[in-house]
């Protein structure tokens, strides 16, 4: 059973999500929050598997709440716009992905299952656009801890992950099997202490491995 926490300042939005998700045989909404501070408190109290976090809330917003979340829950950011200026910051802060609020019900349900299983929820096309939009505003590249531990092939794979490529696309580009690509991604995650693919994208961007227009 996937235990969920809903964080949105609009009661009607929460009610709609709750009705949809509680109707699934493998999901249960454990708690609801109307702002970020309440979301953090309830996450500590209920230990949900997945948090659906509205990014724009009064008081403590979803970005701050994401940074303050306890270890354990995986966070899906809910936003009105795909290129919300806070989305990349939320990924940097620990979110596992994001959805626009007008996502189809079936896509929302699938997204919850994907994130609960430990995968990142990042559309490759949106990832590329996010990087193009915000990398140009970046500060100087950061030295990612452990980057020098990567093999040349793992560094190459990390660059492609940062560019938003799927394992199948990486495999085709580097003339390897998808299983081999997945292994390289997993090893890079382990060496860089990345929780999921979303964190790898952030590391690739912040370390300067990926720049706008490269891929």
N, C-alpha and C. Protein backbone atom coordinates (compact mmCIF):
# COMPACT_ATOMS: atom_id res chain seq x y z
N UNK A 1 0.85 -1.20 0.00
CA UNK A 1 0.00 0.00 0.00
C UNK A 1 0.88 1.25 0.00
N UNK A 2 0.63 2.16 -0.92
CA UNK A 2 1.38 3.42 -1.01
C UNK A 2 0.67 4.47 -0.16
N UNK A 3 1.36 4.94 0.88
CA UNK A 3 0.78 5.94 1.77
C UNK A 3 1.12 7.33 1.25
N UNK A 4 0.09 8.19 1.15
CA UNK A 4 0.26 9.49 0.52
C UNK A 4 -0.05 10.65 1.46
N UNK A 5 0.65 11.75 1.21
CA UNK A 5 0.36 13.03 1.86
C UNK A 5 0.08 14.04 0.77
N UNK A 6 -1.05 14.75 0.87
CA UNK A 6 -1.41 15.78 -0.09
C UNK A 6 -1.16 17.15 0.52
N UNK A 7 -0.43 18.00 -0.18
CA UNK A 7 -0.15 19.36 0.30
C UNK A 7 -0.56 20.36 -0.77
N UNK A 8 -1.66 21.05 -0.54
CA UNK A 8 -2.17 22.05 -1.47
C UNK A 8 -3.07 23.00 -0.69
N UNK A 9 -2.98 24.29 -0.96
CA UNK A 9 -3.77 25.24 -0.19
C UNK A 9 -5.23 25.30 -0.65
N UNK A 10 -5.55 24.64 -1.76
CA UNK A 10 -6.93 24.63 -2.24
C UNK A 10 -7.62 23.33 -1.83
N UNK A 11 -8.62 23.46 -0.96
CA UNK A 11 -9.31 22.29 -0.44
C UNK A 11 -9.96 21.47 -1.55
N UNK A 12 -10.47 22.14 -2.58
CA UNK A 12 -11.13 21.44 -3.68
C UNK A 12 -10.14 20.57 -4.45
N UNK A 13 -8.93 21.08 -4.65
CA UNK A 13 -7.89 20.31 -5.33
C UNK A 13 -7.53 19.07 -4.51
N UNK A 14 -7.36 19.28 -3.20
CA UNK A 14 -7.03 18.14 -2.33
C UNK A 14 -8.15 17.09 -2.36
N UNK A 15 -9.40 17.55 -2.32
CA UNK A 15 -10.53 16.63 -2.32
C UNK A 15 -10.57 15.81 -3.60
N UNK A 16 -10.28 16.45 -4.73
CA UNK A 16 -10.27 15.74 -5.99
C UNK A 16 -9.17 14.68 -6.05
N UNK A 17 -7.97 15.06 -5.63
CA UNK A 17 -6.86 14.11 -5.60
C UNK A 17 -7.14 12.96 -4.64
N UNK A 18 -7.69 13.29 -3.48
CA UNK A 18 -7.97 12.26 -2.46
C UNK A 18 -8.97 11.24 -2.99
N UNK A 19 -10.05 11.73 -3.60
CA UNK A 19 -11.07 10.83 -4.13
C UNK A 19 -10.48 9.89 -5.18
N UNK A 20 -9.64 10.45 -6.04
CA UNK A 20 -9.02 9.66 -7.11
C UNK A 20 -8.05 8.63 -6.55
N UNK A 21 -7.18 9.06 -5.65
CA UNK A 21 -6.11 8.19 -5.16
C UNK A 21 -6.62 7.15 -4.17
N UNK A 22 -7.55 7.53 -3.31
CA UNK A 22 -8.10 6.56 -2.35
C UNK A 22 -8.89 5.46 -3.06
N UNK A 23 -9.34 5.73 -4.27
CA UNK A 23 -10.10 4.73 -5.02
C UNK A 23 -9.20 3.64 -5.60
N UNK A 24 -7.89 3.86 -5.57
CA UNK A 24 -6.95 2.87 -6.10
C UNK A 24 -6.69 1.80 -5.04
N UNK A 25 -6.64 0.53 -5.44
CA UNK A 25 -6.47 -0.55 -4.45
C UNK A 25 -5.13 -0.55 -3.73
N UNK A 26 -4.13 0.13 -4.32
CA UNK A 26 -2.79 0.11 -3.72
C UNK A 26 -2.39 1.46 -3.15
N UNK A 27 -3.36 2.38 -2.94
CA UNK A 27 -3.03 3.72 -2.44
C UNK A 27 -3.96 4.14 -1.32
N UNK A 28 -3.41 4.95 -0.40
CA UNK A 28 -4.20 5.48 0.70
C UNK A 28 -3.68 6.86 1.07
N UNK A 29 -4.57 7.86 1.13
CA UNK A 29 -4.19 9.21 1.54
C UNK A 29 -4.20 9.26 3.06
N UNK A 30 -3.03 9.39 3.67
CA UNK A 30 -2.89 9.35 5.12
C UNK A 30 -3.15 10.71 5.76
N UNK A 31 -2.85 11.79 5.02
CA UNK A 31 -2.99 13.13 5.62
C UNK A 31 -3.05 14.19 4.53
N UNK A 32 -3.60 15.35 4.89
CA UNK A 32 -3.69 16.49 3.98
C UNK A 32 -3.15 17.73 4.67
N UNK A 33 -2.43 18.57 3.93
CA UNK A 33 -1.87 19.81 4.47
C UNK A 33 -2.27 20.97 3.58
N UNK A 34 -2.48 22.14 4.20
CA UNK A 34 -2.87 23.32 3.42
C UNK A 34 -1.71 24.29 3.23
N UNK A 35 -0.55 24.00 3.83
CA UNK A 35 0.64 24.82 3.58
C UNK A 35 1.89 23.98 3.84
N UNK A 36 3.05 24.56 3.54
CA UNK A 36 4.29 23.81 3.64
C UNK A 36 4.66 23.38 5.04
N UNK A 37 4.46 24.27 6.01
CA UNK A 37 4.82 23.94 7.39
C UNK A 37 4.00 22.75 7.89
N UNK A 38 2.71 22.75 7.56
CA UNK A 38 1.86 21.63 7.97
C UNK A 38 2.28 20.35 7.25
N UNK A 39 2.70 20.48 6.01
CA UNK A 39 3.15 19.31 5.24
C UNK A 39 4.37 18.66 5.89
N UNK A 40 5.33 19.49 6.31
CA UNK A 40 6.52 18.96 6.96
C UNK A 40 6.16 18.26 8.27
N UNK A 41 5.29 18.90 9.05
CA UNK A 41 4.87 18.31 10.34
C UNK A 41 4.15 16.98 10.13
N UNK A 42 3.24 16.94 9.18
CA UNK A 42 2.47 15.72 8.93
C UNK A 42 3.34 14.62 8.32
N UNK A 43 4.35 15.00 7.55
CA UNK A 43 5.26 14.00 6.99
C UNK A 43 6.04 13.31 8.11
N UNK A 44 6.44 14.09 9.11
CA UNK A 44 7.13 13.49 10.26
C UNK A 44 6.21 12.59 11.07
N UNK A 45 4.94 12.99 11.13
CA UNK A 45 3.97 12.25 11.94
C UNK A 45 3.50 10.97 11.26
N UNK A 46 3.26 11.03 9.95
CA UNK A 46 2.65 9.90 9.24
C UNK A 46 3.63 9.09 8.39
N UNK A 47 4.83 9.58 8.16
CA UNK A 47 5.83 8.87 7.35
C UNK A 47 5.25 8.35 6.03
N UNK A 48 4.75 9.25 5.17
CA UNK A 48 4.19 8.81 3.88
C UNK A 48 5.27 8.31 2.94
N UNK A 49 4.85 7.53 1.96
CA UNK A 49 5.79 7.08 0.92
C UNK A 49 5.98 8.16 -0.13
N UNK A 50 4.89 8.84 -0.46
CA UNK A 50 4.92 9.86 -1.50
C UNK A 50 4.16 11.10 -1.03
N UNK A 51 4.73 12.28 -1.30
CA UNK A 51 4.07 13.55 -1.02
C UNK A 51 3.76 14.24 -2.34
N UNK A 52 2.51 14.62 -2.53
CA UNK A 52 2.13 15.47 -3.67
C UNK A 52 2.15 16.90 -3.15
N UNK A 53 3.11 17.69 -3.61
CA UNK A 53 3.41 19.00 -3.02
C UNK A 53 3.14 20.13 -4.01
N UNK A 54 2.13 20.96 -3.68
CA UNK A 54 1.91 22.17 -4.47
C UNK A 54 3.10 23.10 -4.26
N UNK A 55 3.61 23.68 -5.33
CA UNK A 55 4.81 24.50 -5.19
C UNK A 55 4.50 25.91 -4.71
N UNK A 56 3.28 26.40 -4.97
CA UNK A 56 2.92 27.76 -4.58
C UNK A 56 1.82 27.72 -3.52
N UNK A 57 2.21 27.92 -2.27
CA UNK A 57 1.27 27.96 -1.16
C UNK A 57 1.60 29.15 -0.27
N UNK A 58 0.60 29.70 0.42
CA UNK A 58 0.87 30.82 1.33
C UNK A 58 1.69 30.34 2.53
N UNK A 59 2.34 31.27 3.20
CA UNK A 59 3.20 30.86 4.32
C UNK A 59 4.42 30.17 3.78
N UNK A 60 4.69 28.97 4.26
CA UNK A 60 5.81 28.19 3.74
C UNK A 60 5.42 27.54 2.42
N UNK A 61 6.13 27.88 1.34
CA UNK A 61 5.77 27.32 0.03
C UNK A 61 6.32 25.90 -0.13
N UNK A 62 5.97 25.28 -1.26
CA UNK A 62 6.36 23.91 -1.49
C UNK A 62 7.85 23.71 -1.66
N UNK A 63 8.54 24.74 -2.16
CA UNK A 63 9.99 24.65 -2.33
C UNK A 63 10.68 24.55 -0.98
N UNK A 64 10.32 25.43 -0.06
CA UNK A 64 10.91 25.40 1.29
C UNK A 64 10.55 24.11 2.01
N UNK A 65 9.29 23.70 1.87
CA UNK A 65 8.84 22.47 2.52
C UNK A 65 9.60 21.25 2.00
N UNK A 66 9.87 21.24 0.70
CA UNK A 66 10.62 20.13 0.12
C UNK A 66 12.00 20.03 0.75
N UNK A 67 12.65 21.16 0.94
CA UNK A 67 13.98 21.17 1.54
C UNK A 67 13.96 20.70 2.99
N UNK A 68 12.83 20.91 3.68
CA UNK A 68 12.75 20.59 5.10
C UNK A 68 12.13 19.22 5.37
N UNK A 69 11.76 18.50 4.33
CA UNK A 69 11.14 17.19 4.51
C UNK A 69 12.07 16.21 5.20
N UNK A 70 11.53 15.35 6.07
CA UNK A 70 12.37 14.32 6.69
C UNK A 70 12.80 13.29 5.64
N UNK A 71 13.77 12.47 6.00
CA UNK A 71 14.21 11.40 5.10
C UNK A 71 13.07 10.41 4.90
N UNK A 72 12.95 9.88 3.71
CA UNK A 72 11.97 8.84 3.48
C UNK A 72 10.98 9.13 2.37
N UNK A 73 10.09 10.13 2.56
CA UNK A 73 9.09 10.38 1.53
C UNK A 73 9.70 10.84 0.21
N UNK A 74 9.11 10.39 -0.88
CA UNK A 74 9.48 10.90 -2.19
C UNK A 74 8.47 11.97 -2.58
N UNK A 75 8.95 13.02 -3.19
CA UNK A 75 8.12 14.20 -3.40
C UNK A 75 7.87 14.44 -4.88
N UNK A 76 6.59 14.59 -5.21
CA UNK A 76 6.19 15.00 -6.56
C UNK A 76 5.69 16.44 -6.45
N UNK A 77 6.33 17.33 -7.16
CA UNK A 77 5.93 18.73 -7.15
C UNK A 77 4.75 18.93 -8.11
N UNK A 78 3.74 19.64 -7.64
CA UNK A 78 2.60 20.00 -8.47
C UNK A 78 2.72 21.46 -8.87
N UNK A 79 2.63 21.73 -10.14
CA UNK A 79 2.79 23.10 -10.61
C UNK A 79 1.79 23.39 -11.73
N UNK A 80 1.46 24.64 -11.89
CA UNK A 80 0.53 25.05 -12.95
C UNK A 80 1.23 25.12 -14.30
N UNK A 81 2.54 25.41 -14.28
CA UNK A 81 3.30 25.57 -15.52
C UNK A 81 4.50 24.64 -15.51
N UNK A 82 4.77 23.98 -16.65
CA UNK A 82 5.91 23.07 -16.75
C UNK A 82 7.22 23.77 -16.44
N UNK A 83 7.35 25.01 -16.89
CA UNK A 83 8.61 25.72 -16.70
C UNK A 83 8.52 26.72 -15.55
N UNK A 84 7.80 26.34 -14.51
CA UNK A 84 7.75 27.15 -13.31
C UNK A 84 9.17 27.41 -12.83
N UNK A 85 9.45 28.66 -12.47
CA UNK A 85 10.82 29.02 -12.09
C UNK A 85 11.32 28.26 -10.87
N UNK A 86 10.41 27.69 -10.08
CA UNK A 86 10.81 26.99 -8.87
C UNK A 86 11.04 25.49 -9.08
N UNK A 87 10.65 24.97 -10.24
CA UNK A 87 10.71 23.53 -10.43
C UNK A 87 12.13 23.00 -10.31
N UNK A 88 13.08 23.66 -10.98
CA UNK A 88 14.45 23.15 -10.91
C UNK A 88 14.99 23.25 -9.49
N UNK A 89 14.64 24.34 -8.79
CA UNK A 89 15.06 24.48 -7.39
C UNK A 89 14.48 23.35 -6.54
N UNK A 90 13.25 22.94 -6.84
CA UNK A 90 12.63 21.85 -6.09
C UNK A 90 13.35 20.53 -6.35
N UNK A 91 13.76 20.30 -7.60
CA UNK A 91 14.53 19.10 -7.91
C UNK A 91 15.86 19.12 -7.17
N UNK A 92 16.48 20.28 -7.14
CA UNK A 92 17.74 20.43 -6.42
C UNK A 92 17.53 20.17 -4.92
N UNK A 93 16.35 20.57 -4.43
CA UNK A 93 16.06 20.41 -3.01
C UNK A 93 15.63 19.02 -2.60
N UNK A 94 15.48 18.11 -3.55
CA UNK A 94 15.18 16.74 -3.19
C UNK A 94 13.93 16.14 -3.81
N UNK A 95 13.19 16.90 -4.61
CA UNK A 95 12.00 16.34 -5.25
C UNK A 95 12.39 15.30 -6.29
N UNK A 96 11.52 14.30 -6.46
CA UNK A 96 11.79 13.22 -7.42
C UNK A 96 11.17 13.46 -8.78
N UNK A 97 10.44 14.57 -8.91
CA UNK A 97 9.83 14.87 -10.20
C UNK A 97 8.72 15.87 -10.03
N UNK A 98 8.02 16.13 -11.13
CA UNK A 98 6.94 17.11 -11.04
C UNK A 98 5.86 16.81 -12.06
N UNK A 99 4.66 17.30 -11.77
CA UNK A 99 3.52 17.16 -12.66
C UNK A 99 2.80 18.50 -12.77
N UNK A 100 2.25 18.76 -13.93
CA UNK A 100 1.38 19.92 -14.04
C UNK A 100 0.01 19.53 -13.48
N UNK A 101 -0.71 20.50 -12.94
CA UNK A 101 -1.95 20.21 -12.22
C UNK A 101 -3.07 19.68 -13.12
N UNK A 102 -2.98 19.95 -14.42
CA UNK A 102 -4.04 19.45 -15.29
C UNK A 102 -3.69 18.10 -15.92
N UNK A 103 -2.76 17.37 -15.27
CA UNK A 103 -2.40 16.03 -15.71
C UNK A 103 -3.64 15.13 -15.71
N UNK A 104 -3.72 14.25 -16.68
CA UNK A 104 -4.83 13.31 -16.74
C UNK A 104 -4.80 12.38 -15.51
N UNK A 105 -5.97 11.99 -14.98
CA UNK A 105 -6.01 11.12 -13.79
C UNK A 105 -5.15 9.87 -13.91
N UNK A 106 -5.19 9.20 -15.05
CA UNK A 106 -4.41 7.98 -15.22
C UNK A 106 -2.91 8.27 -15.13
N UNK A 107 -2.49 9.43 -15.63
CA UNK A 107 -1.07 9.80 -15.57
C UNK A 107 -0.65 10.11 -14.14
N UNK A 108 -1.53 10.74 -13.36
CA UNK A 108 -1.24 11.01 -11.96
C UNK A 108 -1.06 9.72 -11.18
N UNK A 109 -1.97 8.78 -11.39
CA UNK A 109 -1.90 7.50 -10.70
C UNK A 109 -0.61 6.77 -11.05
N UNK A 110 -0.27 6.75 -12.34
CA UNK A 110 0.96 6.10 -12.78
C UNK A 110 2.19 6.80 -12.20
N UNK A 111 2.14 8.13 -12.13
CA UNK A 111 3.26 8.89 -11.59
C UNK A 111 3.52 8.53 -10.13
N UNK A 112 2.46 8.40 -9.36
CA UNK A 112 2.61 8.02 -7.95
C UNK A 112 3.27 6.66 -7.83
N UNK A 113 2.86 5.73 -8.66
CA UNK A 113 3.44 4.38 -8.60
C UNK A 113 4.90 4.39 -9.02
N UNK A 114 5.22 5.17 -10.04
CA UNK A 114 6.60 5.26 -10.52
C UNK A 114 7.52 5.81 -9.43
N UNK A 115 7.11 6.90 -8.82
CA UNK A 115 7.94 7.53 -7.78
C UNK A 115 8.01 6.66 -6.54
N UNK A 116 6.91 6.03 -6.17
CA UNK A 116 6.91 5.14 -5.00
C UNK A 116 7.87 3.97 -5.20
N UNK A 117 8.06 3.56 -6.45
CA UNK A 117 8.96 2.44 -6.77
C UNK A 117 10.43 2.87 -6.80
N UNK A 118 10.68 4.17 -6.59
CA UNK A 118 12.06 4.64 -6.54
C UNK A 118 12.58 5.26 -7.81
N UNK A 119 11.71 5.43 -8.80
CA UNK A 119 12.15 6.04 -10.04
C UNK A 119 11.90 7.55 -9.99
N UNK A 120 12.56 8.27 -10.89
CA UNK A 120 12.34 9.71 -10.99
C UNK A 120 11.28 9.97 -12.04
N UNK A 121 10.52 11.02 -11.82
CA UNK A 121 9.44 11.37 -12.74
C UNK A 121 9.85 12.61 -13.51
N UNK A 122 10.61 12.39 -14.59
CA UNK A 122 11.11 13.50 -15.39
C UNK A 122 10.87 13.23 -16.86
N UNK A 123 10.04 14.01 -17.48
CA UNK A 123 9.86 13.90 -18.92
C UNK A 123 11.13 14.38 -19.60
N UNK A 124 11.75 13.56 -20.46
CA UNK A 124 12.99 13.97 -21.12
C UNK A 124 12.88 15.32 -21.83
N UNK A 125 11.77 15.55 -22.55
CA UNK A 125 11.64 16.80 -23.29
C UNK A 125 11.56 17.99 -22.35
N UNK A 126 10.85 17.83 -21.24
CA UNK A 126 10.73 18.93 -20.27
C UNK A 126 12.06 19.14 -19.56
N UNK A 127 12.78 18.05 -19.28
CA UNK A 127 14.09 18.17 -18.64
C UNK A 127 15.03 19.01 -19.50
N UNK A 128 15.04 18.73 -20.80
CA UNK A 128 15.90 19.49 -21.71
C UNK A 128 15.54 20.97 -21.68
N UNK A 129 14.23 21.25 -21.68
CA UNK A 129 13.80 22.64 -21.69
C UNK A 129 14.13 23.34 -20.37
N UNK A 130 13.99 22.61 -19.28
CA UNK A 130 14.35 23.18 -17.98
C UNK A 130 15.81 23.60 -17.95
N UNK A 131 16.66 22.71 -18.44
CA UNK A 131 18.09 23.01 -18.45
C UNK A 131 18.39 24.20 -19.35
N UNK A 132 17.78 24.20 -20.52
CA UNK A 132 18.01 25.31 -21.43
C UNK A 132 17.53 26.63 -20.84
N UNK A 133 16.42 26.57 -20.09
CA UNK A 133 15.82 27.78 -19.52
C UNK A 133 16.65 28.34 -18.37
N UNK A 134 17.16 27.44 -17.52
CA UNK A 134 17.75 27.92 -16.27
C UNK A 134 19.27 27.78 -16.16
N UNK A 135 19.86 26.92 -16.99
CA UNK A 135 21.30 26.75 -16.88
C UNK A 135 22.04 28.03 -17.24
N UNK A 136 21.45 28.82 -18.12
CA UNK A 136 22.10 30.07 -18.52
C UNK A 136 22.17 31.07 -17.36
N UNK A 137 21.34 30.86 -16.34
CA UNK A 137 21.35 31.75 -15.17
C UNK A 137 22.23 31.20 -14.05
N UNK A 138 22.86 30.07 -14.31
CA UNK A 138 23.59 29.38 -13.25
C UNK A 138 24.80 30.16 -12.77
N UNK A 139 25.16 29.85 -11.53
CA UNK A 139 26.40 30.38 -10.98
C UNK A 139 27.55 29.55 -11.56
N UNK A 140 28.74 29.78 -11.06
CA UNK A 140 29.86 28.96 -11.52
C UNK A 140 29.59 27.49 -11.21
N UNK A 141 30.03 26.57 -12.09
CA UNK A 141 29.80 25.15 -11.84
C UNK A 141 30.35 24.73 -10.49
N UNK A 142 29.62 23.83 -9.84
CA UNK A 142 30.04 23.32 -8.54
C UNK A 142 30.83 22.03 -8.74
N UNK A 143 31.75 21.78 -7.86
CA UNK A 143 32.50 20.52 -7.90
C UNK A 143 31.67 19.47 -7.18
N UNK A 144 31.04 18.57 -7.92
CA UNK A 144 30.20 17.54 -7.32
C UNK A 144 31.07 16.51 -6.63
N UNK A 145 30.74 16.24 -5.38
CA UNK A 145 31.51 15.26 -4.61
C UNK A 145 31.42 13.90 -5.28
N UNK A 146 32.56 13.29 -5.55
CA UNK A 146 32.58 11.96 -6.13
C UNK A 146 32.64 11.93 -7.64
N UNK A 147 32.57 13.10 -8.29
CA UNK A 147 32.56 13.12 -9.75
C UNK A 147 33.84 12.50 -10.32
N UNK A 148 34.95 12.68 -9.60
CA UNK A 148 36.21 12.13 -10.07
C UNK A 148 36.28 10.61 -9.89
N UNK A 149 35.30 10.03 -9.20
CA UNK A 149 35.26 8.58 -9.03
C UNK A 149 34.62 7.88 -10.22
N UNK A 150 33.98 8.64 -11.06
CA UNK A 150 33.30 8.04 -12.21
C UNK A 150 34.30 7.63 -13.28
N UNK A 151 34.01 6.53 -13.95
CA UNK A 151 34.80 6.14 -15.12
C UNK A 151 34.43 7.09 -16.27
N UNK A 152 35.22 7.07 -17.31
CA UNK A 152 34.93 7.92 -18.46
C UNK A 152 33.55 7.60 -19.04
N UNK A 153 33.21 6.31 -19.07
CA UNK A 153 31.91 5.91 -19.61
C UNK A 153 30.78 6.37 -18.71
N UNK A 154 30.96 6.26 -17.40
CA UNK A 154 29.93 6.71 -16.46
C UNK A 154 29.73 8.22 -16.54
N UNK A 155 30.81 8.94 -16.74
CA UNK A 155 30.71 10.39 -16.89
C UNK A 155 29.95 10.74 -18.18
N UNK A 156 30.22 9.97 -19.22
CA UNK A 156 29.53 10.17 -20.49
C UNK A 156 28.03 9.91 -20.33
N UNK A 157 27.71 8.83 -19.62
CA UNK A 157 26.31 8.48 -19.38
C UNK A 157 25.64 9.55 -18.52
N UNK A 158 26.33 10.03 -17.50
CA UNK A 158 25.79 11.08 -16.64
C UNK A 158 25.46 12.34 -17.44
N UNK A 159 26.32 12.70 -18.37
CA UNK A 159 26.07 13.86 -19.22
C UNK A 159 24.78 13.69 -20.01
N UNK A 160 24.55 12.48 -20.52
CA UNK A 160 23.35 12.22 -21.31
C UNK A 160 22.10 12.18 -20.43
N UNK A 161 22.24 11.65 -19.21
CA UNK A 161 21.12 11.68 -18.26
C UNK A 161 20.76 13.14 -17.97
N UNK A 162 21.78 13.96 -17.78
CA UNK A 162 21.55 15.37 -17.51
C UNK A 162 20.87 16.08 -18.66
N UNK A 163 21.09 15.57 -19.87
CA UNK A 163 20.44 16.14 -21.04
C UNK A 163 19.03 15.64 -21.25
N UNK A 164 18.57 14.78 -20.34
CA UNK A 164 17.19 14.31 -20.40
C UNK A 164 16.98 13.05 -21.21
N UNK A 165 18.05 12.35 -21.60
CA UNK A 165 17.89 11.14 -22.39
C UNK A 165 17.45 9.96 -21.51
N UNK A 166 16.61 9.11 -22.07
CA UNK A 166 16.21 7.89 -21.39
C UNK A 166 17.31 6.84 -21.53
N UNK A 167 17.19 5.72 -20.80
CA UNK A 167 18.17 4.65 -20.92
C UNK A 167 18.24 4.12 -22.35
N UNK A 168 17.08 3.99 -22.99
CA UNK A 168 17.06 3.49 -24.37
C UNK A 168 17.78 4.46 -25.31
N UNK A 169 17.57 5.76 -25.11
CA UNK A 169 18.23 6.76 -25.96
C UNK A 169 19.74 6.78 -25.70
N UNK A 170 20.12 6.64 -24.44
CA UNK A 170 21.55 6.57 -24.11
C UNK A 170 22.19 5.35 -24.77
N UNK A 171 21.49 4.22 -24.69
CA UNK A 171 22.00 2.98 -25.28
C UNK A 171 22.22 3.14 -26.78
N UNK A 172 21.26 3.76 -27.46
CA UNK A 172 21.39 3.95 -28.91
C UNK A 172 22.53 4.89 -29.24
N UNK A 173 22.69 5.94 -28.45
CA UNK A 173 23.72 6.94 -28.73
C UNK A 173 25.12 6.39 -28.48
N UNK A 174 25.26 5.52 -27.47
CA UNK A 174 26.58 5.00 -27.09
C UNK A 174 26.81 3.58 -27.58
N UNK A 175 25.89 3.07 -28.41
CA UNK A 175 26.03 1.72 -28.99
C UNK A 175 26.21 0.65 -27.92
N UNK A 176 25.27 0.63 -26.96
CA UNK A 176 25.27 -0.38 -25.91
C UNK A 176 23.83 -0.83 -25.69
N UNK A 177 23.65 -1.87 -24.90
CA UNK A 177 22.29 -2.34 -24.62
C UNK A 177 21.65 -1.45 -23.56
N UNK A 178 20.31 -1.37 -23.55
CA UNK A 178 19.63 -0.60 -22.51
C UNK A 178 19.98 -1.09 -21.10
N UNK A 179 20.19 -2.41 -20.96
CA UNK A 179 20.56 -2.95 -19.64
C UNK A 179 21.92 -2.42 -19.20
N UNK A 180 22.85 -2.31 -20.14
CA UNK A 180 24.17 -1.77 -19.81
C UNK A 180 24.07 -0.30 -19.45
N UNK A 181 23.26 0.43 -20.20
CA UNK A 181 23.05 1.85 -19.89
C UNK A 181 22.49 2.00 -18.49
N UNK A 182 21.51 1.17 -18.16
CA UNK A 182 20.89 1.22 -16.82
C UNK A 182 21.91 0.93 -15.74
N UNK A 183 22.83 -0.02 -16.01
CA UNK A 183 23.87 -0.34 -15.04
C UNK A 183 24.79 0.85 -14.80
N UNK A 184 25.18 1.52 -15.88
CA UNK A 184 26.04 2.71 -15.73
C UNK A 184 25.33 3.81 -14.95
N UNK A 185 24.05 3.99 -15.21
CA UNK A 185 23.28 5.01 -14.47
C UNK A 185 23.24 4.65 -12.99
N UNK A 186 22.99 3.39 -12.69
CA UNK A 186 22.92 2.94 -11.29
C UNK A 186 24.25 3.14 -10.57
N UNK A 187 25.34 2.83 -11.26
CA UNK A 187 26.67 3.00 -10.65
C UNK A 187 26.98 4.48 -10.41
N UNK A 188 26.58 5.33 -11.35
CA UNK A 188 26.79 6.77 -11.17
C UNK A 188 25.99 7.28 -9.98
N UNK A 189 24.75 6.80 -9.84
CA UNK A 189 23.92 7.19 -8.71
C UNK A 189 24.57 6.79 -7.39
N UNK A 190 25.10 5.58 -7.36
CA UNK A 190 25.73 5.07 -6.13
C UNK A 190 26.97 5.88 -5.78
N UNK A 191 27.82 6.15 -6.75
CA UNK A 191 29.06 6.87 -6.49
C UNK A 191 28.81 8.33 -6.11
N UNK A 192 27.75 8.91 -6.65
CA UNK A 192 27.45 10.33 -6.40
C UNK A 192 26.43 10.52 -5.27
N UNK A 193 26.04 9.40 -4.67
CA UNK A 193 25.05 9.44 -3.57
C UNK A 193 23.77 10.14 -4.02
N UNK A 194 23.37 9.86 -5.24
CA UNK A 194 22.14 10.45 -5.78
C UNK A 194 20.97 9.53 -5.46
N UNK A 195 19.89 10.11 -4.95
CA UNK A 195 18.73 9.31 -4.56
C UNK A 195 18.02 8.71 -5.77
N UNK A 196 17.98 9.45 -6.86
CA UNK A 196 17.29 8.98 -8.05
C UNK A 196 17.78 9.75 -9.27
N UNK A 197 17.15 9.50 -10.39
CA UNK A 197 17.59 10.11 -11.65
C UNK A 197 17.48 11.63 -11.62
N UNK A 198 16.47 12.14 -10.90
CA UNK A 198 16.31 13.59 -10.80
C UNK A 198 17.55 14.23 -10.18
N UNK A 199 18.12 13.58 -9.18
CA UNK A 199 19.31 14.11 -8.54
C UNK A 199 20.51 14.06 -9.48
N UNK A 200 20.56 13.03 -10.33
CA UNK A 200 21.65 12.97 -11.32
C UNK A 200 21.57 14.14 -12.29
N UNK A 201 20.34 14.50 -12.69
CA UNK A 201 20.17 15.64 -13.60
C UNK A 201 20.71 16.91 -12.95
N UNK A 202 20.38 17.11 -11.68
CA UNK A 202 20.84 18.30 -10.96
C UNK A 202 22.36 18.31 -10.88
N UNK A 203 22.97 17.16 -10.56
CA UNK A 203 24.43 17.08 -10.44
C UNK A 203 25.10 17.37 -11.79
N UNK A 204 24.55 16.80 -12.85
CA UNK A 204 25.13 17.02 -14.19
C UNK A 204 25.07 18.50 -14.55
N UNK A 205 23.99 19.14 -14.20
CA UNK A 205 23.80 20.57 -14.48
C UNK A 205 24.73 21.43 -13.63
N UNK A 206 24.77 21.15 -12.32
CA UNK A 206 25.53 22.01 -11.42
C UNK A 206 27.04 21.82 -11.54
N UNK A 207 27.44 20.65 -12.00
CA UNK A 207 28.87 20.40 -12.15
C UNK A 207 29.42 20.91 -13.48
N UNK A 208 28.51 21.38 -14.35
CA UNK A 208 28.94 21.91 -15.63
C UNK A 208 29.06 20.87 -16.72
N UNK A 209 28.68 19.61 -16.44
CA UNK A 209 28.74 18.58 -17.47
C UNK A 209 27.75 18.86 -18.59
N UNK A 210 26.64 19.49 -18.24
CA UNK A 210 25.61 19.80 -19.23
C UNK A 210 25.46 21.31 -19.33
N UNK A 211 25.44 21.80 -20.54
CA UNK A 211 25.22 23.21 -20.80
C UNK A 211 24.12 23.36 -21.84
N UNK A 212 23.43 24.47 -21.87
CA UNK A 212 22.35 24.65 -22.84
C UNK A 212 22.84 24.45 -24.27
N UNK A 213 22.05 23.70 -25.05
CA UNK A 213 22.36 23.53 -26.46
C UNK A 213 23.35 22.41 -26.76
N UNK A 214 23.85 21.74 -25.70
CA UNK A 214 24.84 20.69 -25.96
C UNK A 214 24.21 19.46 -26.60
N UNK A 215 22.97 19.13 -26.17
CA UNK A 215 22.37 17.86 -26.59
C UNK A 215 21.18 18.09 -27.48
